[in-house]
């Protein structure tokens, strides 16, 4: 049914939640007890869960009966703001459709004269301050919705970054719009890196699911460790579970993505057997890098496409090679992502462009 055809439902509803919208709640059991969440139902079969206490990242995401996201063994956990040493970040990494890495470090633990940083930074262990929720309004026939929150990565006498995150959509559209604005609220230049870990799992991801991107794969330090599978398929197909990815086994590609005439990059996944695809769009001006992470471990079966300001090399390496972003006091950068679910022949026809 086309919910955007208002003539079909006008005067037949009492409450917009009969179509969809945003519902907030608190988890009351398990490792995530006490965590604030917001469920969003788009009325199309696409529904997903925002974890307000984890930077308003996205954990569960479903289209009809199909899960789009990979959920780790840890799943929902309470934020641990001091899990910022070494690889402690992995202890609370729930996977999910979106885990944000940053705001000042994306990549491995690193140390230099400016300090010490743990894997992928502090963002995903930082609670958000909820600013506003706008629900669909059946009486004005405005079916758009929006939720806005702020996340602060700050320390006295040190860098103070603030990110305003807006997640929005429209009833009847199987899409997620993410707009992030990062601002330096401090009085000195602040280092900045951001990477969007978009983690997908079964059944969207399966043996033979197509990985869609266009661009040039750049060499990286561990290229020699990539499996024979990717030496054959060049990061364009999903593998079956493999022994080589037990434990810390993984394949990773750093990609210089090709953009269209509007400087937009399109990438994603297509499962032709299911007629199901996830299309990801972003600005190459904002995020010039795309990473494909693959971890085909048994019972830990996941791949991620990751738009980013930098490859995940860490702040120290980015400073050393001259690519680290330094935001001046009051300076802002904006990042826009669009995630769309495609079905049927549109999904099967989804190809690089």
C-alpha atoms as a PDB file:
ATOM      1  CA  UNK A   1       0.000   0.000   0.000  1.00  0.00           C
ATOM      2  CA  UNK A   2       1.237   3.496  -0.851  1.00  0.00           C
ATOM      3  CA  UNK A   3       0.926   5.412   2.429  1.00  0.00           C
ATOM      4  CA  UNK A   4       1.890   8.635   0.679  1.00  0.00           C
ATOM      5  CA  UNK A   5      -1.465   8.485  -1.118  1.00  0.00           C
ATOM      6  CA  UNK A   6      -3.303  10.500   1.519  1.00  0.00           C
ATOM      7  CA  UNK A   7      -6.653  10.034  -0.178  1.00  0.00           C
ATOM      8  CA  UNK A   8      -6.575   6.394   0.923  1.00  0.00           C
ATOM      9  CA  UNK A   9      -6.432   7.149   4.655  1.00  0.00           C
ATOM     10  CA  UNK A  10      -7.782  10.691   5.079  1.00  0.00           C
ATOM     11  CA  UNK A  11     -10.480  10.798   7.805  1.00  0.00           C
ATOM     12  CA  UNK A  12      -9.922   7.096   8.575  1.00  0.00           C
ATOM     13  CA  UNK A  13      -7.326   7.453  11.374  1.00  0.00           C
ATOM     14  CA  UNK A  14      -7.363   8.777  14.929  1.00  0.00           C
ATOM     15  CA  UNK A  15      -3.631   8.566  15.657  1.00  0.00           C
ATOM     16  CA  UNK A  16      -0.539   8.857  13.451  1.00  0.00           C
ATOM     17  CA  UNK A  17       1.018   5.822  15.172  1.00  0.00           C
ATOM     18  CA  UNK A  18      -1.425   3.699  13.190  1.00  0.00           C
ATOM     19  CA  UNK A  19       0.850   4.534  10.237  1.00  0.00           C
ATOM     20  CA  UNK A  20       4.196   4.758  12.068  1.00  0.00           C
ATOM     21  CA  UNK A  21       6.418   7.241  13.875  1.00  0.00           C
ATOM     22  CA  UNK A  22       8.840   7.471  16.804  1.00  0.00           C
ATOM     23  CA  UNK A  23       8.439   5.751  20.178  1.00  0.00           C
ATOM     24  CA  UNK A  24      10.931   6.202  23.032  1.00  0.00           C
ATOM     25  CA  UNK A  25      11.514   3.731  25.866  1.00  0.00           C
ATOM     26  CA  UNK A  26      14.069   2.406  28.351  1.00  0.00           C
ATOM     27  CA  UNK A  27      15.550  -1.121  28.244  1.00  0.00           C
ATOM     28  CA  UNK A  28      14.786  -2.942  31.504  1.00  0.00           C
ATOM     29  CA  UNK A  29      16.846  -6.148  31.307  1.00  0.00           C
ATOM     30  CA  UNK A  30      20.289  -7.500  30.477  1.00  0.00           C
ATOM     31  CA  UNK A  31      23.535  -5.628  29.818  1.00  0.00           C
ATOM     32  CA  UNK A  32      21.572  -2.724  28.357  1.00  0.00           C
ATOM     33  CA  UNK A  33      19.350  -2.204  31.402  1.00  0.00           C
ATOM     34  CA  UNK A  34      18.566   1.492  31.803  1.00  0.00           C
ATOM     35  CA  UNK A  35      19.579   2.462  28.255  1.00  0.00           C
ATOM     36  CA  UNK A  36      17.270   4.935  26.477  1.00  0.00           C
ATOM     37  CA  UNK A  37      16.167   3.950  22.967  1.00  0.00           C
ATOM     38  CA  UNK A  38      13.846   5.199  20.251  1.00  0.00           C
ATOM     39  CA  UNK A  39      12.083   2.864  17.844  1.00  0.00           C
ATOM     40  CA  UNK A  40      11.242   4.317  14.442  1.00  0.00           C
ATOM     41  CA  UNK A  41       8.594   2.723  12.214  1.00  0.00           C
ATOM     42  CA  UNK A  42       8.458   4.130   8.665  1.00  0.00           C
ATOM     43  CA  UNK A  43       5.228   2.302   7.780  1.00  0.00           C
ATOM     44  CA  UNK A  44       6.956   0.569   4.859  1.00  0.00           C
ATOM     45  CA  UNK A  45       8.302  -2.496   6.630  1.00  0.00           C
ATOM     46  CA  UNK A  46      11.493  -0.577   7.554  1.00  0.00           C
ATOM     47  CA  UNK A  47      11.816  -0.143  11.302  1.00  0.00           C
ATOM     48  CA  UNK A  48      14.933   0.526  13.333  1.00  0.00           C
ATOM     49  CA  UNK A  49      16.140   1.284  16.855  1.00  0.00           C
ATOM     50  CA  UNK A  50      18.158   4.333  17.865  1.00  0.00           C
ATOM     51  CA  UNK A  51      20.248   3.946  21.013  1.00  0.00           C
ATOM     52  CA  UNK A  52      20.099   7.391  22.589  1.00  0.00           C
ATOM     53  CA  UNK A  53      22.670   6.516  25.239  1.00  0.00           C
ATOM     54  CA  UNK A  54      25.141   5.341  22.593  1.00  0.00           C
ATOM     55  CA  UNK A  55      25.381   8.562  20.570  1.00  0.00           C
ATOM     56  CA  UNK A  56      21.960   7.909  18.969  1.00  0.00           C
ATOM     57  CA  UNK A  57      23.527   5.253  16.772  1.00  0.00           C
ATOM     58  CA  UNK A  58      21.327   2.585  15.142  1.00  0.00           C
ATOM     59  CA  UNK A  59      21.302  -0.975  16.525  1.00  0.00           C
ATOM     60  CA  UNK A  60      18.481  -3.211  15.219  1.00  0.00           C
ATOM     61  CA  UNK A  61      17.120  -2.579  11.720  1.00  0.00           C
ATOM     62  CA  UNK A  62      14.545  -4.707   9.884  1.00  0.00           C
ATOM     63  CA  UNK A  63      12.711  -4.639   6.589  1.00  0.00           C
ATOM     64  CA  UNK A  64       9.614  -6.805   6.919  1.00  0.00           C
ATOM     65  CA  UNK A  65      10.925 -10.156   8.223  1.00  0.00           C
ATOM     66  CA  UNK A  66      14.522  -9.512   7.177  1.00  0.00           C
ATOM     67  CA  UNK A  67      17.226  -8.168   9.461  1.00  0.00           C
ATOM     68  CA  UNK A  68      19.501  -5.661   7.746  1.00  0.00           C
ATOM     69  CA  UNK A  69      21.970  -5.197  10.599  1.00  0.00           C
ATOM     70  CA  UNK A  70      24.568  -7.390  12.247  1.00  0.00           C
ATOM     71  CA  UNK A  71      24.266  -7.621  16.046  1.00  0.00           C
ATOM     72  CA  UNK A  72      27.417  -8.668  17.906  1.00  0.00           C
ATOM     73  CA  UNK A  73      27.640 -11.151  20.788  1.00  0.00           C
ATOM     74  CA  UNK A  74      27.530  -8.132  23.130  1.00  0.00           C
ATOM     75  CA  UNK A  75      24.418  -6.597  21.579  1.00  0.00           C
ATOM     76  CA  UNK A  76      22.863  -3.821  23.616  1.00  0.00           C
ATOM     77  CA  UNK A  77      25.156  -2.662  26.424  1.00  0.00           C
ATOM     78  CA  UNK A  78      25.163   0.305  28.761  1.00  0.00           C
ATOM     79  CA  UNK A  79      27.630   3.028  27.656  1.00  0.00           C
ATOM     80  CA  UNK A  80      31.059   2.833  29.248  1.00  0.00           C
ATOM     81  CA  UNK A  81      32.654   6.263  28.680  1.00  0.00           C
ATOM     82  CA  UNK A  82      36.036   5.125  29.981  1.00  0.00           C
ATOM     83  CA  UNK A  83      36.309   2.181  27.570  1.00  0.00           C
ATOM     84  CA  UNK A  84      38.779   4.313  25.657  1.00  0.00           C
ATOM     85  CA  UNK A  85      42.083   2.525  26.179  1.00  0.00           C
ATOM     86  CA  UNK A  86      43.649   0.007  23.824  1.00  0.00           C
ATOM     87  CA  UNK A  87      40.958  -2.167  22.229  1.00  0.00           C
ATOM     88  CA  UNK A  88      38.449  -1.823  25.104  1.00  0.00           C
ATOM     89  CA  UNK A  89      36.004  -0.407  22.508  1.00  0.00           C
ATOM     90  CA  UNK A  90      35.416  -3.968  21.259  1.00  0.00           C
ATOM     91  CA  UNK A  91      33.937  -4.999  24.623  1.00  0.00           C
ATOM     92  CA  UNK A  92      30.912  -2.734  24.110  1.00  0.00           C
ATOM     93  CA  UNK A  93      30.708  -2.846  20.292  1.00  0.00           C
ATOM     94  CA  UNK A  94      27.140  -3.957  19.634  1.00  0.00           C
ATOM     95  CA  UNK A  95      27.480  -3.872  15.862  1.00  0.00           C
ATOM     96  CA  UNK A  96      24.173  -2.532  14.616  1.00  0.00           C
ATOM     97  CA  UNK A  97      23.307  -0.770  11.395  1.00  0.00           C
ATOM     98  CA  UNK A  98      25.328   2.299  12.409  1.00  0.00           C
ATOM     99  CA  UNK A  99      28.182   2.703  14.860  1.00  0.00           C
ATOM    100  CA  UNK A 100      29.891   6.094  14.689  1.00  0.00           C
ATOM    101  CA  UNK A 101      33.662   6.205  15.171  1.00  0.00           C
ATOM    102  CA  UNK A 102      35.281   9.473  16.261  1.00  0.00           C
ATOM    103  CA  UNK A 103      34.958  12.325  16.885  1.00  0.00           C
ATOM    104  CA  UNK A 104      38.715  12.772  17.213  1.00  0.00           C
ATOM    105  CA  UNK A 105      40.050   9.271  16.472  1.00  0.00           C
ATOM    106  CA  UNK A 106      39.041   6.610  13.950  1.00  0.00           C
ATOM    107  CA  UNK A 107      41.285   3.593  13.765  1.00  0.00           C
ATOM    108  CA  UNK A 108      43.632   1.660  16.037  1.00  0.00           C
ATOM    109  CA  UNK A 109      44.929   2.675  19.462  1.00  0.00           C
ATOM    110  CA  UNK A 110      47.668   5.272  19.072  1.00  0.00           C
ATOM    111  CA  UNK A 111      49.871   7.597  21.083  1.00  0.00           C
ATOM    112  CA  UNK A 112      51.873  10.675  20.174  1.00  0.00           C
ATOM    113  CA  UNK A 113      52.903  13.967  21.755  1.00  0.00           C
ATOM    114  CA  UNK A 114      49.269  15.089  21.786  1.00  0.00           C
ATOM    115  CA  UNK A 115      48.044  12.180  23.910  1.00  0.00           C
ATOM    116  CA  UNK A 116      46.843   8.582  23.913  1.00  0.00           C
ATOM    117  CA  UNK A 117      43.699   7.289  22.221  1.00  0.00           C
ATOM    118  CA  UNK A 118      41.858   3.967  22.165  1.00  0.00           C
ATOM    119  CA  UNK A 119      40.337   2.125  19.222  1.00  0.00           C
ATOM    120  CA  UNK A 120      37.756   4.211  17.281  1.00  0.00           C
ATOM    121  CA  UNK A 121      37.377   6.972  19.865  1.00  0.00           C
ATOM    122  CA  UNK A 122      34.772   7.859  22.477  1.00  0.00           C
ATOM    123  CA  UNK A 123      31.662   8.689  20.475  1.00  0.00           C
ATOM    124  CA  UNK A 124      29.752   5.401  20.645  1.00  0.00           C
ATOM    125  CA  UNK A 125      30.132   5.232  24.435  1.00  0.00           C
ATOM    126  CA  UNK A 126      28.740   8.737  24.941  1.00  0.00           C
ATOM    127  CA  UNK A 127      25.068   9.374  25.810  1.00  0.00           C
ATOM    128  CA  UNK A 128      23.185  11.887  23.666  1.00  0.00           C
ATOM    129  CA  UNK A 129      21.108  14.782  24.962  1.00  0.00           C
ATOM    130  CA  UNK A 130      17.703  14.531  23.308  1.00  0.00           C
ATOM    131  CA  UNK A 131      16.718  17.940  21.879  1.00  0.00           C
ATOM    132  CA  UNK A 132      13.477  17.367  19.996  1.00  0.00           C
ATOM    133  CA  UNK A 133      11.107  14.853  18.410  1.00  0.00           C
ATOM    134  CA  UNK A 134       8.734  15.740  15.603  1.00  0.00           C
ATOM    135  CA  UNK A 135       6.095  13.133  14.821  1.00  0.00           C
ATOM    136  CA  UNK A 136       4.091  12.665  11.611  1.00  0.00           C
ATOM    137  CA  UNK A 137       0.861  14.680  11.685  1.00  0.00           C
ATOM    138  CA  UNK A 138      -2.126  13.052   9.982  1.00  0.00           C
ATOM    139  CA  UNK A 139      -4.307  16.117  10.521  1.00  0.00           C
ATOM    140  CA  UNK A 140      -2.015  18.457   8.563  1.00  0.00           C
ATOM    141  CA  UNK A 141      -1.125  15.496   6.330  1.00  0.00           C
ATOM    142  CA  UNK A 142       2.609  16.039   6.976  1.00  0.00           C
ATOM    143  CA  UNK A 143       4.051  12.521   7.172  1.00  0.00           C
ATOM    144  CA  UNK A 144       7.648  13.548   7.857  1.00  0.00           C
ATOM    145  CA  UNK A 145       9.332  12.840  11.204  1.00  0.00           C
ATOM    146  CA  UNK A 146      12.567  13.901  12.861  1.00  0.00           C
ATOM    147  CA  UNK A 147      14.577  13.294  16.024  1.00  0.00           C
ATOM    148  CA  UNK A 148      17.461  15.568  17.076  1.00  0.00           C
ATOM    149  CA  UNK A 149      20.125  15.076  19.759  1.00  0.00           C
ATOM    150  CA  UNK A 150      23.504  16.464  20.803  1.00  0.00           C
ATOM    151  CA  UNK A 151      26.614  14.496  21.741  1.00  0.00           C
ATOM    152  CA  UNK A 152      29.605  16.146  23.389  1.00  0.00           C
ATOM    153  CA  UNK A 153      33.181  14.856  23.394  1.00  0.00           C
ATOM    154  CA  UNK A 154      34.893  17.199  25.795  1.00  0.00           C
ATOM    155  CA  UNK A 155      37.472  17.616  28.522  1.00  0.00           C
ATOM    156  CA  UNK A 156      38.419  20.614  30.641  1.00  0.00           C
ATOM    157  CA  UNK A 157      41.506  22.381  29.206  1.00  0.00           C
ATOM    158  CA  UNK A 158      41.283  20.161  26.128  1.00  0.00           C
ATOM    159  CA  UNK A 159      39.375  19.656  22.881  1.00  0.00           C
ATOM    160  CA  UNK A 160      35.614  20.178  23.080  1.00  0.00           C
ATOM    161  CA  UNK A 161      33.657  18.835  20.127  1.00  0.00           C
ATOM    162  CA  UNK A 162      29.857  18.882  19.920  1.00  0.00           C
ATOM    163  CA  UNK A 163      27.854  16.946  17.364  1.00  0.00           C
ATOM    164  CA  UNK A 164      24.206  17.656  16.573  1.00  0.00           C
ATOM    165  CA  UNK A 165      22.647  14.560  15.013  1.00  0.00           C
ATOM    166  CA  UNK A 166      19.357  14.698  13.102  1.00  0.00           C
ATOM    167  CA  UNK A 167      17.727  11.464  11.935  1.00  0.00           C
ATOM    168  CA  UNK A 168      14.670  11.904   9.774  1.00  0.00           C
ATOM    169  CA  UNK A 169      12.390  10.270   7.262  1.00  0.00           C
ATOM    170  CA  UNK A 170       8.842  10.131   6.001  1.00  0.00           C
ATOM    171  CA  UNK A 171       6.048   7.641   6.528  1.00  0.00           C
ATOM    172  CA  UNK A 172       5.787   5.642   3.323  1.00  0.00           C
ATOM    173  CA  UNK A 173       9.505   5.932   2.418  1.00  0.00           C
ATOM    174  CA  UNK A 174      11.915   3.090   3.235  1.00  0.00           C
ATOM    175  CA  UNK A 175      14.835   5.366   3.947  1.00  0.00           C
ATOM    176  CA  UNK A 176      16.921   6.774   6.800  1.00  0.00           C
ATOM    177  CA  UNK A 177      18.376  10.283   6.537  1.00  0.00           C
ATOM    178  CA  UNK A 178      21.248  11.169   8.860  1.00  0.00           C
ATOM    179  CA  UNK A 179      22.644  14.692   9.180  1.00  0.00           C
ATOM    180  CA  UNK A 180      25.517  15.319  11.602  1.00  0.00           C
ATOM    181  CA  UNK A 181      27.078  18.688  12.349  1.00  0.00           C
ATOM    182  CA  UNK A 182      30.344  18.670  14.309  1.00  0.00           C
ATOM    183  CA  UNK A 183      31.400  21.963  15.911  1.00  0.00           C
ATOM    184  CA  UNK A 184      34.500  22.899  17.891  1.00  0.00           C
ATOM    185  CA  UNK A 185      33.133  24.529  21.054  1.00  0.00           C
ATOM    186  CA  UNK A 186      36.599  24.954  22.562  1.00  0.00           C
ATOM    187  CA  UNK A 187      39.028  27.869  22.355  1.00  0.00           C
ATOM    188  CA  UNK A 188      41.835  26.076  20.506  1.00  0.00           C
ATOM    189  CA  UNK A 189      42.059  24.007  17.296  1.00  0.00           C
ATOM    190  CA  UNK A 190      40.615  20.492  17.813  1.00  0.00           C
ATOM    191  CA  UNK A 191      41.619  17.308  15.935  1.00  0.00           C
ATOM    192  CA  UNK A 192      38.711  15.658  14.138  1.00  0.00           C
ATOM    193  CA  UNK A 193      38.105  12.330  12.364  1.00  0.00           C
ATOM    194  CA  UNK A 194      34.810  10.519  11.732  1.00  0.00           C
ATOM    195  CA  UNK A 195      33.931   7.131  10.264  1.00  0.00           C
ATOM    196  CA  UNK A 196      30.459   5.604   9.867  1.00  0.00           C
ATOM    197  CA  UNK A 197      30.584   1.843  10.572  1.00  0.00           C
ATOM    198  CA  UNK A 198      27.490   0.557   8.681  1.00  0.00           C
ATOM    199  CA  UNK A 199      27.368  -3.086   9.794  1.00  0.00           C
ATOM    200  CA  UNK A 200      25.172  -5.498   7.841  1.00  0.00           C
ATOM    201  CA  UNK A 201      24.433  -9.163   8.492  1.00  0.00           C
ATOM    202  CA  UNK A 202      22.295 -12.150   7.532  1.00  0.00           C
ATOM    203  CA  UNK A 203      19.981 -12.503   5.672  1.00  0.00           C
ATOM    204  CA  UNK A 204      20.764  -9.369   3.631  1.00  0.00           C
ATOM    205  CA  UNK A 205      24.375 -10.503   3.786  1.00  0.00           C
ATOM    206  CA  UNK A 206      24.801 -14.069   2.588  1.00  0.00           C
ATOM    207  CA  UNK A 207      27.088 -16.180   0.442  1.00  0.00           C
ATOM    208  CA  UNK A 208      27.012 -14.403  -2.923  1.00  0.00           C
ATOM    209  CA  UNK A 209      25.432 -11.109  -1.861  1.00  0.00           C
ATOM    210  CA  UNK A 210      26.849  -8.420  -4.132  1.00  0.00           C
ATOM    211  CA  UNK A 211      28.972  -5.647  -2.588  1.00  0.00           C
ATOM    212  CA  UNK A 212      28.381  -2.545  -4.686  1.00  0.00           C
ATOM    213  CA  UNK A 213      30.904   0.246  -5.044  1.00  0.00           C
ATOM    214  CA  UNK A 214      32.908   1.970  -7.724  1.00  0.00           C
ATOM    215  CA  UNK A 215      36.367   3.444  -7.330  1.00  0.00           C
ATOM    216  CA  UNK A 216      39.981   2.501  -6.789  1.00  0.00           C
ATOM    217  CA  UNK A 217      41.112   0.148  -4.025  1.00  0.00           C
ATOM    218  CA  UNK A 218      44.170   1.611  -2.321  1.00  0.00           C
ATOM    219  CA  UNK A 219      46.953  -0.517  -0.848  1.00  0.00           C
ATOM    220  CA  UNK A 220      47.056  -0.875   2.931  1.00  0.00           C
ATOM    221  CA  UNK A 221      49.518  -2.401   5.347  1.00  0.00           C
ATOM    222  CA  UNK A 222      47.614  -5.692   5.760  1.00  0.00           C
ATOM    223  CA  UNK A 223      46.732  -6.296   2.084  1.00  0.00           C
ATOM    224  CA  UNK A 224      48.980  -9.353   2.125  1.00  0.00           C
ATOM    225  CA  UNK A 225      46.782 -10.816   4.855  1.00  0.00           C
ATOM    226  CA  UNK A 226      43.544 -10.610   2.848  1.00  0.00           C
ATOM    227  CA  UNK A 227      42.141 -14.039   2.007  1.00  0.00           C
ATOM    228  CA  UNK A 228      42.251 -15.806  -1.323  1.00  0.00           C
ATOM    229  CA  UNK A 229      38.504 -15.104  -1.619  1.00  0.00           C
ATOM    230  CA  UNK A 230      39.113 -11.385  -1.994  1.00  0.00           C
ATOM    231  CA  UNK A 231      42.118 -11.827  -4.206  1.00  0.00           C
ATOM    232  CA  UNK A 232      39.575 -13.475  -6.547  1.00  0.00           C
ATOM    233  CA  UNK A 233      36.469 -11.322  -6.007  1.00  0.00           C
ATOM    234  CA  UNK A 234      38.116  -7.974  -5.186  1.00  0.00           C
ATOM    235  CA  UNK A 235      35.617  -7.103  -2.435  1.00  0.00           C
ATOM    236  CA  UNK A 236      32.578  -7.425  -4.755  1.00  0.00           C
ATOM    237  CA  UNK A 237      30.977 -10.571  -3.268  1.00  0.00           C
ATOM    238  CA  UNK A 238      30.173 -11.825   0.223  1.00  0.00           C
ATOM    239  CA  UNK A 239      31.822 -15.081   1.279  1.00  0.00           C
ATOM    240  CA  UNK A 240      30.452 -18.047   3.237  1.00  0.00           C
ATOM    241  CA  UNK A 241      31.650 -18.400   6.838  1.00  0.00           C
ATOM    242  CA  UNK A 242      35.362 -19.195   6.767  1.00  0.00           C
ATOM    243  CA  UNK A 243      37.908 -20.604   9.203  1.00  0.00           C
ATOM    244  CA  UNK A 244      40.440 -17.957   8.171  1.00  0.00           C
ATOM    245  CA  UNK A 245      38.290 -15.351   9.919  1.00  0.00           C
ATOM    246  CA  UNK A 246      38.152 -17.064  13.303  1.00  0.00           C
ATOM    247  CA  UNK A 247      39.305 -14.778  16.112  1.00  0.00           C
ATOM    248  CA  UNK A 248      40.759 -11.555  14.706  1.00  0.00           C
ATOM    249  CA  UNK A 249      40.686 -12.698  11.051  1.00  0.00           C
ATOM    250  CA  UNK A 250      39.396 -10.075   8.625  1.00  0.00           C
ATOM    251  CA  UNK A 251      39.717  -8.625   5.131  1.00  0.00           C
ATOM    252  CA  UNK A 252      39.794  -4.843   4.663  1.00  0.00           C
ATOM    253  CA  UNK A 253      39.806  -2.590   1.599  1.00  0.00           C
ATOM    254  CA  UNK A 254      40.538   1.142   1.614  1.00  0.00           C
ATOM    255  CA  UNK A 255      38.643   2.633  -1.355  1.00  0.00           C
ATOM    256  CA  UNK A 256      38.928   5.977  -3.116  1.00  0.00           C
ATOM    257  CA  UNK A 257      35.283   6.005  -4.271  1.00  0.00           C
ATOM    258  CA  UNK A 258      34.056   7.379  -7.572  1.00  0.00           C
ATOM    259  CA  UNK A 259      31.514  10.195  -7.310  1.00  0.00           C
ATOM    260  CA  UNK A 260      28.828  11.319  -9.754  1.00  0.00           C
ATOM    261  CA  UNK A 261      28.404  14.794 -11.255  1.00  0.00           C
ATOM    262  CA  UNK A 262      26.931  16.026  -7.957  1.00  0.00           C
ATOM    263  CA  UNK A 263      29.913  14.604  -6.073  1.00  0.00           C
ATOM    264  CA  UNK A 264      27.707  11.903  -4.531  1.00  0.00           C
ATOM    265  CA  UNK A 265      29.012   8.390  -3.849  1.00  0.00           C
ATOM    266  CA  UNK A 266      26.619   5.438  -4.056  1.00  0.00           C
ATOM    267  CA  UNK A 267      27.457   2.029  -2.589  1.00  0.00           C
ATOM    268  CA  UNK A 268      25.666  -0.804  -0.796  1.00  0.00           C
ATOM    269  CA  UNK A 269      24.647  -4.459  -0.866  1.00  0.00           C
ATOM    270  CA  UNK A 270      22.224  -6.463  -3.021  1.00  0.00           C
ATOM    271  CA  UNK A 271      20.919  -9.951  -2.245  1.00  0.00           C
ATOM    272  CA  UNK A 272      19.492 -11.032  -5.599  1.00  0.00           C
ATOM    273  CA  UNK A 273      17.908 -14.205  -4.192  1.00  0.00           C
ATOM    274  CA  UNK A 274      15.808 -12.188  -1.733  1.00  0.00           C
ATOM    275  CA  UNK A 275      15.314  -9.231  -4.062  1.00  0.00           C
ATOM    276  CA  UNK A 276      16.582  -7.005  -1.229  1.00  0.00           C
ATOM    277  CA  UNK A 277      19.240  -4.276  -1.265  1.00  0.00           C
ATOM    278  CA  UNK A 278      20.564  -1.478   0.919  1.00  0.00           C
ATOM    279  CA  UNK A 279      21.730   1.605  -0.972  1.00  0.00           C
ATOM    280  CA  UNK A 280      24.054   4.040   0.832  1.00  0.00           C
ATOM    281  CA  UNK A 281      24.659   7.560  -0.503  1.00  0.00           C
ATOM    282  CA  UNK A 282      27.037  10.240   0.789  1.00  0.00           C
ATOM    283  CA  UNK A 283      29.045  13.249  -0.325  1.00  0.00           C
ATOM    284  CA  UNK A 284      32.649  12.661  -1.371  1.00  0.00           C
ATOM    285  CA  UNK A 285      33.393  16.280  -0.497  1.00  0.00           C
ATOM    286  CA  UNK A 286      32.385  15.552   3.091  1.00  0.00           C
ATOM    287  CA  UNK A 287      33.794  12.010   3.264  1.00  0.00           C
ATOM    288  CA  UNK A 288      36.433  11.194   0.620  1.00  0.00           C
ATOM    289  CA  UNK A 289      37.031   7.608   1.805  1.00  0.00           C
ATOM    290  CA  UNK A 290      35.066   4.347   1.787  1.00  0.00           C
ATOM    291  CA  UNK A 291      36.207   1.267   3.707  1.00  0.00           C
ATOM    292  CA  UNK A 292      34.903  -2.275   3.273  1.00  0.00           C
ATOM    293  CA  UNK A 293      35.475  -4.411   6.377  1.00  0.00           C
ATOM    294  CA  UNK A 294      34.738  -8.129   6.159  1.00  0.00           C
ATOM    295  CA  UNK A 295      34.718 -10.607   9.044  1.00  0.00           C
ATOM    296  CA  UNK A 296      33.289 -13.950   7.918  1.00  0.00           C
ATOM    297  CA  UNK A 297      33.808 -15.799  11.209  1.00  0.00           C
ATOM    298  CA  UNK A 298      31.435 -18.587  12.202  1.00  0.00           C
ATOM    299  CA  UNK A 299      28.628 -17.067  14.323  1.00  0.00           C
ATOM    300  CA  UNK A 300      30.319 -13.697  13.775  1.00  0.00           C
ATOM    301  CA  UNK A 301      29.348 -13.091  10.155  1.00  0.00           C
ATOM    302  CA  UNK A 302      29.453  -9.417   9.180  1.00  0.00           C
ATOM    303  CA  UNK A 303      30.571  -6.878   6.641  1.00  0.00           C
ATOM    304  CA  UNK A 304      30.568  -3.094   6.819  1.00  0.00           C
ATOM    305  CA  UNK A 305      30.758  -0.264   4.323  1.00  0.00           C
ATOM    306  CA  UNK A 306      32.237   2.774   6.045  1.00  0.00           C
ATOM    307  CA  UNK A 307      32.143   6.317   4.636  1.00  0.00           C
ATOM    308  CA  UNK A 308      34.859   8.326   6.370  1.00  0.00           C
ATOM    309  CA  UNK A 309      36.938  11.482   6.460  1.00  0.00           C
ATOM    310  CA  UNK A 310      40.063   9.292   6.669  1.00  0.00           C
ATOM    311  CA  UNK A 311      40.961   5.633   6.339  1.00  0.00           C
ATOM    312  CA  UNK A 312      40.987   4.098   9.847  1.00  0.00           C
ATOM    313  CA  UNK A 313      44.664   4.800  10.541  1.00  0.00           C
ATOM    314  CA  UNK A 314      44.249   6.673  13.826  1.00  0.00           C
ATOM    315  CA  UNK A 315      44.877  10.264  14.838  1.00  0.00           C
ATOM    316  CA  UNK A 316      48.643   9.967  15.252  1.00  0.00           C
ATOM    317  CA  UNK A 317      49.158   8.612  11.720  1.00  0.00           C
ATOM    318  CA  UNK A 318      46.788  11.207  10.238  1.00  0.00           C
ATOM    319  CA  UNK A 319      48.700  13.970  12.018  1.00  0.00           C
ATOM    320  CA  UNK A 320      51.997  12.559  10.776  1.00  0.00           C
ATOM    321  CA  UNK A 321      50.878  12.328   7.132  1.00  0.00           C
ATOM    322  CA  UNK A 322      49.295  15.796   7.210  1.00  0.00           C
ATOM    323  CA  UNK A 323      45.664  14.749   6.651  1.00  0.00           C
ATOM    324  CA  UNK A 324      44.317  15.288  10.188  1.00  0.00           C
ATOM    325  CA  UNK A 325      41.430  17.794  10.269  1.00  0.00           C
ATOM    326  CA  UNK A 326      41.920  20.602  12.783  1.00  0.00           C
ATOM    327  CA  UNK A 327      38.680  22.456  13.459  1.00  0.00           C
ATOM    328  CA  UNK A 328      39.184  26.061  14.499  1.00  0.00           C
ATOM    329  CA  UNK A 329      37.161  27.401  17.479  1.00  0.00           C
ATOM    330  CA  UNK A 330      33.553  27.764  16.331  1.00  0.00           C
ATOM    331  CA  UNK A 331      34.191  25.931  13.043  1.00  0.00           C
ATOM    332  CA  UNK A 332      31.714  23.249  11.943  1.00  0.00           C
ATOM    333  CA  UNK A 333      31.639  20.373   9.469  1.00  0.00           C
ATOM    334  CA  UNK A 334      28.457  18.673   8.251  1.00  0.00           C
ATOM    335  CA  UNK A 335      28.017  15.049   7.161  1.00  0.00           C
ATOM    336  CA  UNK A 336      24.978  13.667   5.306  1.00  0.00           C
ATOM    337  CA  UNK A 337      24.091   9.996   4.800  1.00  0.00           C
ATOM    338  CA  UNK A 338      21.095   8.424   3.078  1.00  0.00           C
ATOM    339  CA  UNK A 339      20.262   4.725   3.581  1.00  0.00           C
ATOM    340  CA  UNK A 340      17.523   3.306   1.327  1.00  0.00           C
ATOM    341  CA  UNK A 341      15.979  -0.172   1.144  1.00  0.00           C
ATOM    342  CA  UNK A 342      15.353  -1.449  -2.391  1.00  0.00           C
ATOM    343  CA  UNK A 343      13.218  -4.478  -3.263  1.00  0.00           C
ATOM    344  CA  UNK A 344      12.360  -6.689  -6.212  1.00  0.00           C
ATOM    345  CA  UNK A 345      13.726  -5.780  -9.619  1.00  0.00           C
ATOM    346  CA  UNK A 346      15.006  -2.430  -8.341  1.00  0.00           C
ATOM    347  CA  UNK A 347      17.223  -4.345  -5.882  1.00  0.00           C
ATOM    348  CA  UNK A 348      18.364  -6.849  -8.506  1.00  0.00           C
ATOM    349  CA  UNK A 349      19.164  -4.006 -10.889  1.00  0.00           C
ATOM    350  CA  UNK A 350      21.231  -2.093  -8.314  1.00  0.00           C
ATOM    351  CA  UNK A 351      24.736  -1.811  -9.786  1.00  0.00           C
ATOM    352  CA  UNK A 352      27.756   0.482  -9.425  1.00  0.00           C
ATOM    353  CA  UNK A 353      27.430   3.745 -11.322  1.00  0.00           C
END
